[in-house]
Amino acid sequence: MSVLLVTYDLNNETKRPPIVQDIKKLGQSWARLSESSYAIDTHLTPQQVYNQLDKHTDSDDQIAVITLKKPWYGYHARDVVNWLEARLNY
């Protein structure tokens, strides 16, 4: 399993696609890092996750899937910090 950062920006959508629900389904567990950024604990590769989520984007949207590892640094809610600390490796 690895932890992936999924970050996206959907622009000019008249109806919001269910990207958040799909992000959550792709991981064994997840943590919300910001309004449009999630960390997911998954057995899938970044490319596999991207391929599953790309259906929600069009030509003016952005999406990135990045592998997360230690070290990391930041300030967040205690439950998110605990989630990251329990799952990120060097």
Protein backbone atom coordinates (compact mmCIF):
# COMPACT_ATOMS: atom_id res chain seq x y z
CA MET A 1 0.00 0.00 0.00
CA SER A 2 1.09 3.54 -0.60
CA VAL A 3 -0.29 6.94 0.25
CA LEU A 4 -1.16 9.14 -2.70
CA LEU A 5 -2.01 12.82 -2.81
CA VAL A 6 -4.94 13.49 -5.13
CA THR A 7 -5.43 17.15 -5.90
CA TYR A 8 -7.80 18.59 -8.45
CA ASP A 9 -9.31 21.81 -9.75
CA LEU A 10 -12.57 21.52 -11.67
CA ASN A 11 -13.33 24.77 -13.47
CA ASN A 12 -16.57 26.09 -14.94
CA GLU A 13 -18.62 23.04 -13.97
CA THR A 14 -22.36 23.60 -14.11
CA LYS A 15 -22.90 20.39 -12.16
CA ARG A 16 -20.24 19.05 -9.79
CA PRO A 17 -19.23 15.49 -10.76
CA PRO A 18 -18.89 12.90 -7.97
CA ILE A 19 -15.08 13.05 -7.94
CA VAL A 20 -14.84 13.15 -4.13
CA GLN A 21 -16.88 9.98 -3.76
CA ASP A 22 -14.67 8.25 -6.33
CA ILE A 23 -11.47 9.42 -4.61
CA LYS A 24 -12.71 7.96 -1.31
CA LYS A 25 -13.64 4.65 -2.98
CA LEU A 26 -10.14 4.22 -4.45
CA GLY A 27 -8.44 4.02 -1.06
CA GLN A 28 -8.63 1.75 1.94
CA SER A 29 -8.81 4.96 3.96
CA TRP A 30 -8.43 8.65 3.26
CA ALA A 31 -7.80 12.06 4.83
CA ARG A 32 -9.06 15.40 3.52
CA LEU A 33 -6.16 17.83 3.32
CA SER A 34 -8.04 20.75 1.76
CA GLU A 35 -11.19 21.49 -0.20
CA SER A 36 -9.81 19.74 -3.27
CA SER A 37 -6.91 17.65 -1.95
CA TYR A 38 -7.09 14.19 -0.41
CA ALA A 39 -4.54 11.67 0.79
CA ILE A 40 -5.59 8.09 0.12
CA ASP A 41 -4.07 4.84 1.34
CA THR A 42 -4.31 2.51 -1.67
CA HIS A 43 -2.80 -0.44 -3.49
CA LEU A 44 -3.26 1.38 -6.81
CA THR A 45 -0.51 3.25 -8.66
CA PRO A 46 -0.74 7.00 -9.29
CA GLN A 47 -1.52 6.28 -12.96
CA GLN A 48 -4.33 3.85 -12.06
CA VAL A 49 -5.90 6.42 -9.72
CA TYR A 50 -5.56 9.14 -12.36
CA ASN A 51 -7.16 6.93 -15.00
CA GLN A 52 -10.14 6.29 -12.69
CA LEU A 53 -10.64 10.00 -11.96
CA ASP A 54 -9.91 11.48 -15.38
CA LYS A 55 -13.52 10.83 -16.44
CA HIS A 56 -14.52 13.75 -14.20
CA THR A 57 -12.31 16.29 -15.99
CA ASP A 58 -12.48 18.23 -19.20
CA SER A 59 -10.05 20.48 -21.08
CA ASP A 60 -10.00 23.31 -18.52
CA ASP A 61 -9.59 21.12 -15.39
CA GLN A 62 -6.49 19.93 -13.56
CA ILE A 63 -5.78 16.78 -11.60
CA ALA A 64 -2.55 15.41 -10.15
CA VAL A 65 -1.81 12.18 -8.29
CA ILE A 66 1.46 12.18 -6.34
CA THR A 67 3.09 9.59 -4.06
CA LEU A 68 3.52 10.88 -0.49
CA LYS A 69 6.44 9.86 1.71
CA LYS A 70 8.25 11.06 4.81
CA PRO A 71 9.63 13.48 5.62
CA TRP A 72 6.71 15.84 5.51
CA TYR A 73 5.95 19.00 7.39
CA GLY A 74 2.79 20.97 7.96
CA TYR A 75 0.06 22.10 10.29
CA HIS A 76 -3.33 20.40 10.24
CA ALA A 77 -6.07 18.97 12.43
CA ARG A 78 -4.77 16.36 14.88
CA ASP A 79 -6.73 13.50 13.24
CA VAL A 80 -5.16 14.29 9.84
CA VAL A 81 -1.67 14.51 11.34
CA ASN A 82 -2.20 11.17 13.10
CA TRP A 83 -3.51 9.62 9.87
CA LEU A 84 -0.44 10.77 7.93
CA GLU A 85 2.01 9.75 10.65
CA ALA A 86 0.50 6.27 10.82
CA ARG A 87 0.75 5.70 7.06
CA LEU A 88 3.68 7.58 5.55
CA ASN A 89 7.03 5.82 5.21
CA TYR A 90 10.50 6.99 4.21
